[in-house]
Every structure is written in C-alpha cells, then in structure tokens.
Protein backbone atom coordinates (compact mmCIF):
# COMPACT_ATOMS: atom_id res chain seq x y z
CA UNK A 1 0.85 6.14 -28.74
CA UNK A 2 -1.49 4.69 -26.27
CA UNK A 3 0.06 1.98 -24.79
CA UNK A 4 4.18 0.98 -23.76
CA UNK A 5 4.84 -2.92 -22.98
CA UNK A 6 7.66 -3.22 -20.72
CA UNK A 7 9.50 -6.69 -20.49
CA UNK A 8 12.77 -6.47 -18.37
CA UNK A 9 14.88 -9.39 -19.28
CA UNK A 10 17.75 -11.20 -18.07
CA UNK A 11 19.63 -13.87 -19.72
CA UNK A 12 16.07 -14.82 -21.31
CA UNK A 13 17.54 -15.94 -24.58
CA UNK A 14 15.48 -19.38 -24.42
CA UNK A 15 11.75 -17.63 -23.41
CA UNK A 16 11.62 -14.17 -24.55
CA UNK A 17 11.22 -15.06 -28.36
CA UNK A 18 7.67 -16.64 -27.32
CA UNK A 19 7.13 -13.39 -25.18
CA UNK A 20 7.76 -11.09 -28.21
CA UNK A 21 5.89 -13.39 -30.71
CA UNK A 22 2.15 -13.16 -28.11
CA UNK A 23 3.10 -9.40 -27.86
CA UNK A 24 3.18 -8.81 -31.84
CA UNK A 25 0.02 -10.72 -32.38
CA UNK A 26 -2.30 -8.63 -30.09
CA UNK A 27 -5.90 -8.02 -30.74
CA UNK A 28 -4.83 -4.35 -30.79
CA UNK A 29 -3.51 -2.71 -33.79
CA UNK A 30 0.58 -2.49 -33.56
CA UNK A 31 0.25 1.44 -34.22
CA UNK A 32 -1.40 1.59 -30.83
CA UNK A 33 1.32 0.09 -29.03
CA UNK A 34 5.08 0.10 -28.74
CA UNK A 35 7.35 -3.24 -27.23
CA UNK A 36 10.23 -2.10 -24.95
CA UNK A 37 12.80 -4.77 -24.02
CA UNK A 38 14.93 -3.54 -21.32
CA UNK A 39 18.24 -6.14 -21.02
CA UNK A 40 19.19 -6.05 -17.68
CA UNK A 41 23.09 -7.02 -18.43
CA UNK A 42 22.28 -10.48 -20.32
CA UNK A 43 25.48 -12.63 -20.81
CA UNK A 44 23.50 -15.25 -22.65
CA UNK A 45 22.85 -13.95 -26.24
CA UNK A 46 19.39 -12.27 -25.49
CA UNK A 47 20.29 -9.18 -27.59
CA UNK A 48 20.60 -11.30 -30.77
CA UNK A 49 17.08 -12.89 -30.05
CA UNK A 50 15.34 -9.48 -29.66
CA UNK A 51 16.66 -7.62 -32.41
CA UNK A 52 15.18 -10.16 -35.00
CA UNK A 53 11.54 -8.72 -33.62
CA UNK A 54 12.10 -5.36 -34.80
CA UNK A 55 11.06 -3.93 -31.18
CA UNK A 56 12.72 -1.29 -29.06
CA UNK A 57 15.71 -2.49 -27.32
CA UNK A 58 17.63 -0.84 -24.03
CA UNK A 59 20.19 -2.22 -22.19
CA UNK A 60 21.89 -1.48 -18.80
CA UNK A 61 24.22 -2.96 -16.57
CA UNK A 62 22.97 -5.76 -14.46
CA UNK A 63 21.08 -3.72 -11.86
CA UNK A 64 17.73 -5.85 -11.56
CA UNK A 65 14.30 -5.64 -12.78
CA UNK A 66 13.37 -2.52 -10.72
CA UNK A 67 15.98 -0.23 -12.55
CA UNK A 68 15.01 -1.96 -15.94
CA UNK A 69 11.60 -0.96 -15.63
CA UNK A 70 12.36 2.53 -14.48
CA UNK A 71 14.52 2.71 -17.52
CA UNK A 72 11.62 1.34 -19.99
CA UNK A 73 9.17 3.86 -18.37
CA UNK A 74 11.70 6.89 -18.91
CA UNK A 75 11.82 5.72 -22.57
CA UNK A 76 8.22 5.17 -22.97
CA UNK A 77 5.98 7.16 -25.50
CA UNK A 78 2.30 5.68 -24.20
CA UNK A 79 0.21 7.42 -21.63
CA UNK A 80 -0.50 3.84 -20.18
CA UNK A 81 2.67 1.49 -19.40
CA UNK A 82 1.81 -2.39 -19.47
CA UNK A 83 4.70 -4.63 -17.50
CA UNK A 84 5.00 -8.42 -18.42
CA UNK A 85 8.00 -10.56 -17.75
CA UNK A 86 10.08 -12.35 -20.70
CA UNK A 87 9.13 -16.01 -19.26
CA UNK A 88 5.49 -14.72 -19.79
CA UNK A 89 3.17 -15.40 -22.87
CA UNK A 90 0.59 -13.13 -22.87
CA UNK A 91 -2.90 -14.30 -24.22
CA UNK A 92 -3.63 -12.56 -27.79
CA UNK A 93 -5.91 -10.13 -25.97
CA UNK A 94 -3.84 -9.33 -23.20
CA UNK A 95 -3.36 -5.51 -24.05
CA UNK A 96 -7.01 -5.20 -24.99
CA UNK A 97 -8.31 -6.21 -21.27
CA UNK A 98 -5.25 -4.44 -19.46
CA UNK A 99 -6.60 -1.14 -21.12
CA UNK A 100 -10.35 -1.73 -19.87
CA UNK A 101 -9.70 -0.36 -16.15
CA UNK A 102 -8.01 2.91 -17.42
CA UNK A 103 -11.38 3.88 -19.42
CA UNK A 104 -12.23 4.99 -15.52
CA UNK A 105 -10.09 8.23 -14.99
CA UNK A 106 -9.99 7.54 -11.19
CA UNK A 107 -8.00 4.13 -11.74
CA UNK A 108 -3.95 4.65 -12.31
CA UNK A 109 -3.07 0.65 -11.84
CA UNK A 110 -4.21 -2.65 -12.66
CA UNK A 111 -3.11 -6.35 -12.33
CA UNK A 112 -4.02 -9.33 -14.27
CA UNK A 113 -3.42 -12.83 -14.00
CA UNK A 114 -1.33 -15.99 -14.42
CA UNK A 115 -1.89 -19.37 -16.24
CA UNK A 116 -0.26 -22.20 -17.02
CA UNK A 117 -0.12 -25.04 -19.35
CA UNK A 118 2.03 -27.38 -17.52
CA UNK A 119 1.06 -30.77 -16.30
CA UNK A 120 3.78 -31.06 -13.54
CA UNK A 121 2.74 -31.74 -9.87
CA UNK A 122 4.20 -28.83 -8.46
CA UNK A 123 3.20 -26.58 -11.29
CA UNK A 124 -0.27 -27.51 -10.93
CA UNK A 125 -0.03 -26.72 -6.92
CA UNK A 126 1.40 -23.32 -7.40
CA UNK A 127 -1.35 -22.42 -10.62
CA UNK A 128 -3.92 -23.38 -7.82
CA UNK A 129 -2.24 -21.45 -5.17
CA UNK A 130 -2.45 -18.58 -7.01
CA UNK A 131 -6.30 -18.90 -7.98
CA UNK A 132 -6.72 -19.09 -4.44
CA UNK A 133 -5.50 -15.40 -3.96
CA UNK A 134 -7.26 -14.43 -7.14
CA UNK A 135 -10.45 -15.50 -5.48
CA UNK A 136 -9.48 -13.02 -2.43
CA UNK A 137 -8.66 -10.30 -4.89
CA UNK A 138 -12.16 -10.46 -6.46
CA UNK A 139 -13.68 -9.77 -3.55
CA UNK A 140 -12.14 -6.15 -3.00
CA UNK A 141 -13.56 -3.07 -5.16
CA UNK A 142 -9.82 -1.62 -5.04
CA UNK A 143 -6.76 -3.81 -4.11
CA UNK A 144 -2.94 -2.37 -2.86
CA UNK A 145 -1.13 -5.55 -4.33
CA UNK A 146 0.09 -5.35 -8.09
CA UNK A 147 2.81 -7.82 -9.73
CA UNK A 148 4.23 -6.94 -12.62
CA UNK A 149 4.24 -10.33 -14.52
CA UNK A 150 0.70 -8.87 -15.69
CA UNK A 151 0.21 -5.37 -14.77
CA UNK A 152 -0.80 -1.71 -16.32
CA UNK A 153 -0.01 1.70 -14.52
CA UNK A 154 -0.59 5.32 -15.88
CA UNK A 155 3.13 6.77 -16.98
CA UNK A 156 2.63 10.03 -15.24
CA UNK A 157 1.52 8.08 -11.79
CA UNK A 158 4.86 5.82 -12.28
CA UNK A 159 7.09 9.26 -13.08
CA UNK A 160 5.60 11.06 -10.07
CA UNK A 161 5.75 8.59 -7.61
CA UNK A 162 9.48 7.67 -8.23
CA UNK A 163 9.05 4.35 -9.93
CA UNK A 164 10.10 1.04 -8.62
CA UNK A 165 12.32 1.08 -5.80
CA UNK A 166 15.84 0.03 -6.80
CA UNK A 167 16.72 -1.10 -3.52
CA UNK A 168 15.65 -4.47 -4.00
CA UNK A 169 18.44 -5.84 -6.32
CA UNK A 170 16.94 -8.78 -7.47
CA UNK A 171 13.43 -9.91 -8.70
CA UNK A 172 11.55 -10.42 -5.28
CA UNK A 173 8.87 -7.97 -4.15
CA UNK A 174 9.98 -4.47 -5.63
CA UNK A 175 6.88 -4.59 -7.76
CA UNK A 176 4.87 -5.26 -4.81
CA UNK A 177 6.29 -2.19 -3.00
CA UNK A 178 5.70 -0.05 -5.47
CA UNK A 179 1.99 -0.94 -5.54
CA UNK A 180 1.81 -0.63 -1.66
CA UNK A 181 3.16 2.82 -2.03
CA UNK A 182 0.60 4.26 -4.16
CA UNK A 183 -2.26 2.50 -1.81
CA UNK A 184 -0.93 4.39 1.16
CA UNK A 185 -1.16 7.92 -1.25
CA UNK A 186 -4.68 7.39 -2.18
CA UNK A 187 -4.55 6.20 -5.47
CA UNK A 188 -6.88 3.12 -6.88
CA UNK A 189 -5.84 0.05 -8.29
CA UNK A 190 -7.92 -2.90 -9.84
CA UNK A 191 -8.05 -6.59 -10.37
CA UNK A 192 -8.69 -7.35 -13.78
CA UNK A 193 -8.53 -11.27 -13.93
CA UNK A 194 -9.54 -11.20 -17.53
CA UNK A 195 -5.63 -9.98 -18.65
CA UNK A 196 -3.74 -13.17 -18.86
CA UNK A 197 -0.75 -14.40 -19.26
CA UNK A 198 0.81 -17.85 -19.47
CA UNK A 199 3.85 -19.00 -17.38
CA UNK A 200 6.28 -21.75 -16.49
CA UNK A 201 5.96 -22.01 -12.77
CA UNK A 202 8.38 -23.99 -10.51
CA UNK A 203 7.84 -27.22 -11.42
CA UNK A 204 10.03 -29.44 -8.94
CA UNK A 205 10.02 -29.14 -5.16
CA UNK A 206 13.87 -27.74 -4.99
CA UNK A 207 12.77 -24.42 -7.20
CA UNK A 208 9.69 -24.11 -5.20
CA UNK A 209 11.25 -24.00 -1.87
CA UNK A 210 13.94 -21.47 -3.37
CA UNK A 211 11.44 -19.22 -4.60
CA UNK A 212 9.18 -19.17 -1.34
CA UNK A 213 12.54 -18.47 0.65
CA UNK A 214 13.56 -15.61 -1.32
CA UNK A 215 10.30 -13.82 -1.32
CA UNK A 216 10.74 -14.42 2.68
CA UNK A 217 13.81 -13.11 2.81
CA UNK A 218 12.54 -9.94 0.66
CA UNK A 219 9.48 -9.29 2.49
CA UNK A 220 11.30 -8.24 5.54
CA UNK A 221 12.73 -5.17 3.80
CA UNK A 222 9.12 -4.82 2.14
CA UNK A 223 7.32 -5.04 5.60
CA UNK A 224 9.95 -2.70 7.47
CA UNK A 225 9.09 0.12 4.98
CA UNK A 226 5.11 -0.57 4.87
CA UNK A 227 4.70 -2.24 8.79
CA UNK A 228 0.91 -2.03 8.30
CA UNK A 229 1.02 -4.50 5.26
CA UNK A 230 1.54 -7.10 7.89
CA UNK A 231 -1.86 -7.20 9.07
CA UNK A 232 -3.27 -7.05 5.86
CA UNK A 233 -3.07 -6.68 2.03
CA UNK A 234 -5.51 -7.40 -0.67
CA UNK A 235 -3.62 -10.43 -2.11
CA UNK A 236 -2.13 -12.72 1.06
CA UNK A 237 -4.76 -14.86 2.74
CA UNK A 238 -4.71 -14.18 6.00
CA UNK A 239 -4.39 -18.09 7.06
CA UNK A 240 -0.97 -18.20 5.32
CA UNK A 241 0.01 -15.82 8.21
CA UNK A 242 -1.08 -18.44 10.89
CA UNK A 243 0.51 -21.18 8.90
CA UNK A 244 3.71 -19.09 8.78
CA UNK A 245 3.45 -18.55 12.41
CA UNK A 246 3.05 -21.88 13.46
CA UNK A 247 6.10 -23.22 11.57
CA UNK A 248 8.41 -22.14 14.61
CA UNK A 249 5.81 -23.81 17.19
CA UNK A 250 5.95 -26.94 15.31
CA UNK A 251 9.82 -26.88 14.91
CA UNK A 252 10.31 -26.43 18.97
CA UNK A 253 7.72 -28.78 19.71
CA UNK A 254 9.15 -31.50 17.49
CA UNK A 255 12.83 -30.93 19.11
CA UNK A 256 11.24 -30.62 22.69
CA UNK A 257 9.73 -34.19 21.89
CA UNK A 258 12.43 -35.71 20.66
CA UNK A 259 14.45 -34.80 23.58
CA UNK A 260 11.77 -35.91 25.94
CA UNK A 261 11.43 -32.49 27.32
CA UNK A 262 7.74 -32.43 26.07
CA UNK A 263 5.19 -35.27 25.15
CA UNK A 264 4.69 -36.22 21.72
CA UNK A 265 1.05 -35.13 21.99
CA UNK A 266 2.12 -31.47 22.11
CA UNK A 267 3.68 -31.80 18.84
CA UNK A 268 0.67 -33.74 17.49
CA UNK A 269 -1.63 -31.07 18.64
CA UNK A 270 0.35 -28.65 16.64
CA UNK A 271 0.63 -30.71 13.79
CA UNK A 272 -3.66 -30.43 14.10
CA UNK A 273 -3.89 -27.13 14.46
CA UNK A 274 -1.77 -26.92 11.31
CA UNK A 275 -4.01 -29.39 9.36
CA UNK A 276 -7.13 -27.27 10.54
CA UNK A 277 -5.76 -24.33 9.04
CA UNK A 278 -4.86 -25.96 5.47
CA UNK A 279 -8.36 -27.44 5.53
CA UNK A 280 -10.36 -25.52 3.42
CA UNK A 281 -7.45 -24.75 0.98
CA UNK A 282 -7.42 -28.68 0.52
CA UNK A 283 -10.98 -28.80 -0.14
CA UNK A 284 -11.03 -26.39 -2.71
CA UNK A 285 -8.05 -27.94 -4.56
CA UNK A 286 -9.17 -31.43 -4.45
CA UNK A 287 -12.36 -30.44 -6.08
CA UNK A 288 -10.57 -29.28 -9.07
CA UNK A 289 -7.57 -31.45 -9.06
CA UNK A 290 -7.82 -34.54 -6.62
CA UNK A 291 -4.25 -35.37 -7.20
CA UNK A 292 -2.73 -31.81 -6.01
CA UNK A 293 -5.28 -32.09 -3.07
CA UNK A 294 -3.84 -35.09 -1.65
CA UNK A 295 -0.47 -33.57 -1.59
CA UNK A 296 -1.28 -30.13 -0.50
CA UNK A 297 -1.09 -30.55 2.89
CA UNK A 298 2.27 -31.62 2.79
CA UNK A 299 3.30 -28.66 0.22
CA UNK A 300 1.28 -26.24 2.23
CA UNK A 301 3.66 -26.86 5.07
CA UNK A 302 6.73 -26.77 2.97
CA UNK A 303 5.41 -23.28 1.63
CA UNK A 304 5.01 -22.01 5.28
CA UNK A 305 8.37 -23.66 6.47
CA UNK A 306 10.03 -21.96 3.58
CA UNK A 307 8.61 -18.13 3.84
CA UNK A 308 9.38 -18.68 7.61
CA UNK A 309 12.91 -19.59 7.01
CA UNK A 310 13.20 -16.49 4.47
CA UNK A 311 11.70 -14.25 7.14
CA UNK A 312 13.61 -15.39 9.59
CA UNK A 313 17.18 -15.11 7.51
CA UNK A 314 15.88 -11.56 6.32
CA UNK A 315 15.26 -10.67 9.81
CA UNK A 316 18.67 -11.70 11.41
CA UNK A 317 20.51 -10.21 8.38
CA UNK A 318 19.15 -6.80 8.41
CA UNK A 319 18.69 -6.66 12.29
CA UNK A 320 14.86 -5.61 11.37
CA UNK A 321 13.73 -6.52 14.80
CA UNK A 322 15.66 -3.99 16.75
CA UNK A 323 15.06 -1.41 13.76
CA UNK A 324 13.55 1.89 15.15
CA UNK A 325 11.82 2.32 12.08
CA UNK A 326 10.09 -0.89 12.39
CA UNK A 327 9.27 -0.18 15.76
CA UNK A 328 7.91 3.12 15.02
CA UNK A 329 4.41 2.23 14.26
CA UNK A 330 3.70 0.18 17.14
CA UNK A 331 5.09 2.92 19.40
CA UNK A 332 3.15 5.78 17.72
CA UNK A 333 0.02 3.67 18.19
CA UNK A 334 0.79 3.44 22.11
CA UNK A 335 0.98 6.94 22.13
CA UNK A 336 -2.00 7.62 20.46
CA UNK A 337 -3.78 5.25 22.90
CA UNK A 338 -2.64 6.38 26.03
CA UNK A 339 -2.33 10.02 24.83
CA UNK A 340 -6.14 9.95 23.66
CA UNK A 341 -7.33 8.27 26.97
CA UNK A 342 -5.54 10.29 29.52
CA UNK A 343 -6.82 13.56 27.23
CA UNK A 344 -10.51 12.41 27.26
CA UNK A 345 -10.43 11.62 31.08
CA UNK A 346 -8.36 15.02 32.00
CA UNK A 347 -10.25 16.92 29.66
CA UNK A 348 -13.74 15.91 30.33
CA UNK A 349 -14.80 18.66 32.30
CA UNK A 350 -13.76 21.15 29.97
CA UNK A 351 -15.48 19.36 26.96
CA UNK A 352 -18.92 19.40 28.99
CA UNK A 353 -18.37 23.16 29.64
CA UNK A 354 -17.49 23.75 26.01
CA UNK A 355 -20.66 21.85 24.78
CA UNK A 356 -23.05 23.95 27.13
CA UNK A 357 -21.41 27.22 26.04
CA UNK A 358 -22.04 26.07 22.21
CA UNK A 359 -25.44 25.33 22.96
CA UNK A 360 -26.37 28.60 24.89
CA UNK A 361 -24.43 30.39 22.26
CA UNK A 362 -26.53 29.71 18.78
CA UNK A 363 -28.90 27.02 18.02
CA UNK A 364 -27.80 23.66 16.44
CA UNK A 365 -25.82 20.80 17.67
CA UNK A 366 -22.61 20.55 19.71
CA UNK A 367 -20.43 18.57 17.54
CA UNK A 368 -19.45 19.15 13.96
CA UNK A 369 -19.02 16.01 11.96
CA UNK A 370 -17.51 16.05 8.20
CA UNK A 371 -15.87 13.32 6.05
CA UNK A 372 -12.37 13.96 5.84
CA UNK A 373 -9.40 11.74 3.81
CA UNK A 374 -7.44 9.77 6.04
CA UNK A 375 -4.73 6.93 5.38
CA UNK A 376 -4.54 5.39 2.27
CA UNK A 377 -7.25 7.93 0.93
CA UNK A 378 -9.89 5.95 3.16
CA UNK A 379 -12.78 8.39 4.19
CA UNK A 380 -13.79 8.34 7.96
CA UNK A 381 -15.99 11.30 10.00
CA UNK A 382 -13.82 13.49 11.68
CA UNK A 383 -15.68 14.98 14.81
CA UNK A 384 -14.77 18.60 16.16
CA UNK A 385 -16.85 21.00 18.34
CA UNK A 386 -19.07 23.31 16.26
CA UNK A 387 -17.76 26.49 16.06
CA UNK A 388 -19.78 27.88 12.72
CA UNK A 389 -23.41 28.57 12.14
CA UNK A 390 -25.48 25.91 10.99
CA UNK A 391 -25.36 25.54 7.52
CA UNK A 392 -21.88 27.16 6.90
CA UNK A 393 -20.62 24.63 4.47
CA UNK A 394 -23.23 25.31 2.21
CA UNK A 395 -22.29 29.32 2.38
CA UNK A 396 -18.53 28.37 1.54
CA UNK A 397 -18.92 29.08 -2.18
CA UNK A 398 -19.94 32.81 -1.16
CA UNK A 399 -16.93 32.95 1.01
CA UNK A 400 -14.18 32.49 -1.49
CA UNK A 401 -13.32 35.74 -2.30
CA UNK A 402 -13.08 36.66 1.27
CA UNK A 403 -10.07 33.74 1.71
CA UNK A 404 -6.70 35.18 2.43
CA UNK A 405 -5.39 31.72 0.46
CA UNK A 406 -5.65 30.69 -2.97
CA UNK A 407 -7.82 27.82 -3.96
CA UNK A 408 -8.23 24.93 -3.13
CA UNK A 409 -8.02 26.08 0.71
CA UNK A 410 -10.35 28.57 2.43
CA UNK A 411 -9.11 30.65 5.61
CA UNK A 412 -10.72 33.89 6.36
CA UNK A 413 -9.26 35.82 9.06
CA UNK A 414 -12.85 37.24 10.45
CA UNK A 415 -15.17 34.51 8.99
CA UNK A 416 -18.81 35.93 9.25
CA UNK A 417 -19.75 32.25 9.42
CA UNK A 418 -17.73 31.71 13.05
CA UNK A 419 -20.10 31.87 16.23
CA UNK A 420 -18.57 34.17 19.17
CA UNK A 421 -17.78 30.83 21.42
CA UNK A 422 -16.50 29.35 17.87
CA UNK A 423 -14.07 32.04 17.41
CA UNK A 424 -12.62 31.93 21.16
CA UNK A 425 -12.54 27.64 20.63
CA UNK A 426 -10.73 28.22 17.14
CA UNK A 427 -8.50 30.98 18.55
CA UNK A 428 -6.92 28.23 21.33
CA UNK A 429 -7.83 25.17 19.08
CA UNK A 430 -10.06 23.55 21.54
CA UNK A 431 -12.86 22.95 18.75
CA UNK A 432 -10.25 20.00 17.90
CA UNK A 433 -10.78 18.31 21.31
CA UNK A 434 -13.42 16.13 20.03
CA UNK A 435 -10.72 14.14 17.68
CA UNK A 436 -9.38 12.57 20.25
CA UNK A 437 -12.31 9.90 20.21
CA UNK A 438 -10.85 9.69 16.08
CA UNK A 439 -7.29 8.65 17.73
CA UNK A 440 -8.48 6.18 19.92
CA UNK A 441 -10.68 4.81 17.15
CA UNK A 442 -7.71 4.29 15.16
CA UNK A 443 -8.55 6.82 12.12
CA UNK A 444 -6.13 10.12 13.15
CA UNK A 445 -2.89 9.95 15.47
CA UNK A 446 -1.89 12.65 17.99
CA UNK A 447 0.33 13.91 15.53
CA UNK A 448 0.65 13.91 11.67
CA UNK A 449 -0.84 15.73 8.40
CA UNK A 450 -3.98 17.37 9.13
CA UNK A 451 -6.94 15.36 7.86
CA UNK A 452 -7.98 16.87 4.42
CA UNK A 453 -11.30 17.82 2.94
CA UNK A 454 -12.77 15.62 0.07
CA UNK A 455 -12.77 18.91 -2.33
CA UNK A 456 -9.03 19.65 -1.54
CA UNK A 457 -7.64 16.12 -2.25
CA UNK A 458 -9.61 16.05 -5.71
CA UNK A 459 -7.60 19.17 -6.76
CA UNK A 460 -3.92 17.41 -5.29
CA UNK A 461 -1.02 17.15 -7.85
CA UNK A 462 0.68 13.60 -7.35
CA UNK A 463 3.68 14.58 -5.14
CA UNK A 464 0.33 16.04 -2.93
CA UNK A 465 -0.61 12.29 -2.30
CA UNK A 466 2.35 11.33 -0.75
CA UNK A 467 0.77 12.93 2.22
CA UNK A 468 -2.06 10.22 2.65
CA UNK A 469 0.75 7.31 3.24
CA UNK A 470 0.26 8.33 6.95
CA UNK A 471 -2.63 8.76 9.12
CA UNK A 472 -3.62 12.41 9.68
CA UNK A 473 -2.81 13.92 12.92
CA UNK A 474 -4.53 16.66 15.44
CA UNK A 475 -1.21 18.55 15.24
CA UNK A 476 1.31 18.19 13.23
CA UNK A 477 4.31 19.98 11.51
CA UNK A 478 1.64 22.67 9.96
CA UNK A 479 0.49 23.45 13.44
CA UNK A 480 3.57 24.90 14.90
CA UNK A 481 4.98 26.35 11.43
CA UNK A 482 2.47 28.63 10.79
CA UNK A 483 -0.94 26.59 10.50
CA UNK A 484 -3.75 28.79 8.82
CA UNK A 485 -1.37 31.03 7.16
CA UNK A 486 0.56 28.68 4.62
CA UNK A 487 -0.41 28.12 1.24
CA UNK A 488 -1.50 24.14 0.50
CA UNK A 489 2.18 23.80 -1.12
CA UNK A 490 4.04 24.78 1.91
CA UNK A 491 1.91 22.73 4.15
CA UNK A 492 2.79 19.57 1.97
CA UNK A 493 6.35 20.80 1.69
CA UNK A 494 6.42 20.64 5.68
CA UNK A 495 4.40 17.49 5.97
CA UNK A 496 6.21 15.51 3.26
CA UNK A 497 9.20 16.39 5.16
CA UNK A 498 7.77 14.95 8.65
CA UNK A 499 6.71 11.98 6.67
CA UNK A 500 10.15 11.23 5.65
CA UNK A 501 11.81 11.81 9.14
CA UNK A 502 9.04 10.49 11.32
CA UNK A 503 9.86 8.68 14.55
CA UNK A 504 8.69 8.47 17.77
CA UNK A 505 10.74 11.28 19.05
CA UNK A 506 9.68 13.60 16.49
CA UNK A 507 6.06 12.95 17.33
CA UNK A 508 6.99 13.79 21.35
CA UNK A 509 8.89 17.02 20.38
CA UNK A 510 6.26 18.53 17.96
CA UNK A 511 3.60 17.38 20.91
CA UNK A 512 5.60 19.41 23.18
CA UNK A 513 5.75 22.69 20.67
CA UNK A 514 2.22 22.53 20.18
CA UNK A 515 1.50 23.73 23.53
CA UNK A 516 3.10 27.30 23.23
CA UNK A 517 1.62 27.64 19.92
CA UNK A 518 -1.69 26.91 20.91
CA UNK A 519 -1.34 29.46 23.62
CA UNK A 520 -0.14 32.15 21.64
CA UNK A 521 -3.06 31.44 18.87
CA UNK A 522 -1.00 32.45 16.13
CA UNK A 523 -2.69 31.33 12.59
CA UNK A 524 -5.75 30.05 14.18
CA UNK A 525 -8.65 31.49 12.38
C-alpha cells in the first residue's frame, strides 16, 4: 500500500459522498491506496453515508480534527499519508500529483491548493485571496505552512513527531502548527500547486467574518508556541499583518474624531494608509475579476477587522500578553545582543592576543570557518579560532579509529591534528569566542544546543531533529553536563529536555554554571 487517504469527518452527511466519489475515481489504481474516514462523533447520519462506499470507517467521540487525523494515521497502512476534508472534492489526478514531491527522499511533506466552482461574490473573493497567498508560496523552494485540505506527509515522520496537536479542539490552525513544528526541526516541505481539491468557500459575509475571527483567535495559541512565525511564514502576506495592525489605529482615530478629540483628517490619513496597503491586491484582483476588485477594499478591511478582533479575544482569554513563554524569545534575544556586545568589548584584548599566538604557533589563518546547521535546519557559517593544523578536516577519515565516541561523532582526547596553542584554547573553550559574532548576527544564541556539523545531522533520527527547533548556542546543557564525553543520544536527551523547559532564567543559570566547568576543563578536547 503506497498511500493512505485520511478524511476527518464531523456532521458531513451532505458533503462526504461527493468527496468519496472523487477519491474512488482517481487516476491512481485503487490497489495503490486506501481511504480512511474518521468520524469525529457525528450525529447527522454521516456513518450511514460512508458505509455505502466500502471505505475504511473509524469513529471516535467528538475530539476535533487533530485527534481524528491522528487516529487515522495510527491505523494507516500507507507509506505516504494524504489528507483532505469531507467538504472537498479532489481532482481526478489529486493523488497522482500529491505523490510527485515524495519521489525526492528529502521531502517529508507537501501542500496542494483550493479551487472552487462557486459564483457568489464572497466565494470568488476568498478564492482570489487564496491564490494571492499561493503566489507567495511559489517563490519558496521549501515551505513551512501546510494546511490539510490538500496535504501529504510521510507516515513515519508524522508518528515520530507526535502528530497533530489535540490542544486545538476545533478546526482552526492545528495543521499549521504541525508544519511549523516540522520546519523548525529542519524537515523539508514543498508547495505542489498541481494537487487540486475543489471546495465550497464561505459564500456570505457573516460566514466569512466568523471564519476569520476563529482563525485570529486560535492564532494566539499558535504564535505563543511558535513566536518566530509572527514575523514571517511562507503563506501569510506581510501586508496582511500591517493591515491587521492598522485596525486598532483606525478604530481609535475614528472614535477620537467622533468625540472631537482629533480632527477628521487624522482618521482620513489612517484610512488612506490602509488603502495604500490594499492597492496592489486590488489591482491584481481587478485584472481577473473586476466586480470583486471593486468591493475588495471593503472586504480587505473586514478581513483585517475580523482577524484583529479574534487576536484580541484570544490574547485576553489566555492572558497571552503576560505569558512568560511568549515573552521568552524577545527576552532571550535581548540577552544575546547585550551579552555578545559586552563580551566582544571586554574580551577584545584577549582575542587579539589569541590571534597573535595562533599566527606564531603554526601556518594558516587565525579563524576557522565551517558551515553548521542552525535553527530550522538552515546552514550558517560558524566562526572559531583555529585550533588545528591546516587541512585537519581532510584528515578526519583517518582519525575515526582513534575516536572514543561512536559515529557520527568524532572526539579524540589526544587528537594529533590539534596545535600547541589549539590544545590550550580548547582546554578553556577560548576557541569558541568568535561565535559571539554569530550570536550578534542572530545565527546563534548564548545558550542552546551546540551547532551540529552537516554530516551528523544527515544521520539524525526523527527524534534528534527536535533540537533544530531552536537556535544553537555557544554554551548549553551539554557544556555543563559532560561536554565531549557524551554520546550523541546522551547529548540529544539533555538538549531536548532543555528545549521543553527553556526560559530566560534557565539560560541565566546555564551561563553561570558554564564558568566553573570551563575553568576546570573537564570533557574539553
């Protein structure tokens, strides 16, 4: 069995038949895939309809689509798991097109697209809104945003990464959360615009506003878990965030203008600013559907208002603005900036002395620059003072039998490639000082998992990849718990525990504990 198609279903008696008929009429032979419908506690006779089509039927008490998908994945026989929704009608070549990205072993997930045959004005606007976002996704080689109306994942990756988060109790953003989680761990996902499902979009203004409000509400929880995605993801246009931010400005200036506190020209200026942000979208839409183009400025304002209201409601209900986890990332970055600048200033004389000693001790450059794997699997150039002879990397293969740790790690207590000055630098971890520049650039943090070499990451198991969800650090749990004496699994367990429990004060504690460990030099090679 190559594919398992999972369809979560809740009170979908009126739509599930069209979905199943489309899935049973695919261009891929039926012998290559199975269809699993997971009934999420329907009370409208959905089961009776599904049973007529001879597909696999599973049921659970009403727990939400995340739990339904997870149940389907647990029972699936296919290597690749595909997802669509009960109100979607996949094109006849949908499975075929969804399968293409997985011919590349590096790809673990893929996202398809919505289309609609509706002619209602709001539905046409919604479709053009999606297509505008798809244009952004086309510009990315890899994506971090996959929603499950048209999606696929490798089953082993789904299982190894704990599946969809059931903390989102209704259809909202639980699918986005899973793709964000994978992207942070360095997995590769792609956009597949040829994989099409047809959908019945919101066709009236009330339904549209309700949906956007709900998305905004649950985005609060999503961004509390993945605060870096507030800045950017591969799906959300940056201009949309500006428009949402302008909504409270528009509301405040309107209120103050009505009350006579501000002149109406201030509100007019705020409204004009919103109009400028909407202009590019309106021009693109008008070229495709002039009627939608005429009303799109109003609908964009409605969209921004509904999202802003949902975000405000979500933030208030969860006290997100005062959450220590939500504030942890900016606090951590502040510590990194202050700490790296202070360190570079105070340690400048010592670093200059080290540079002179390296040049006097052996031929070659002062700095050793190597590509390492950072947050989200992104590569960056890590700086160190050179502690080995020139060409040491090329000699690594010869050193394998001298390592006291099993592959893929290479740690040698009396490594013959290390120079005299290099041995002293490593003893007290002074070779790491140039990484303060990496911290200042935002590629590393003062505290975090150590940045790993590419060949080691290529041998990662799925659980190891969780350590790629945060920035690597100059110091971290490994440095205060054994350093070079630890195996890969021991290092990963320490670092995963740190990732789960990390906070600003945890970082401060690790920084203080690092000082005596460095001075004693235990585990430093």
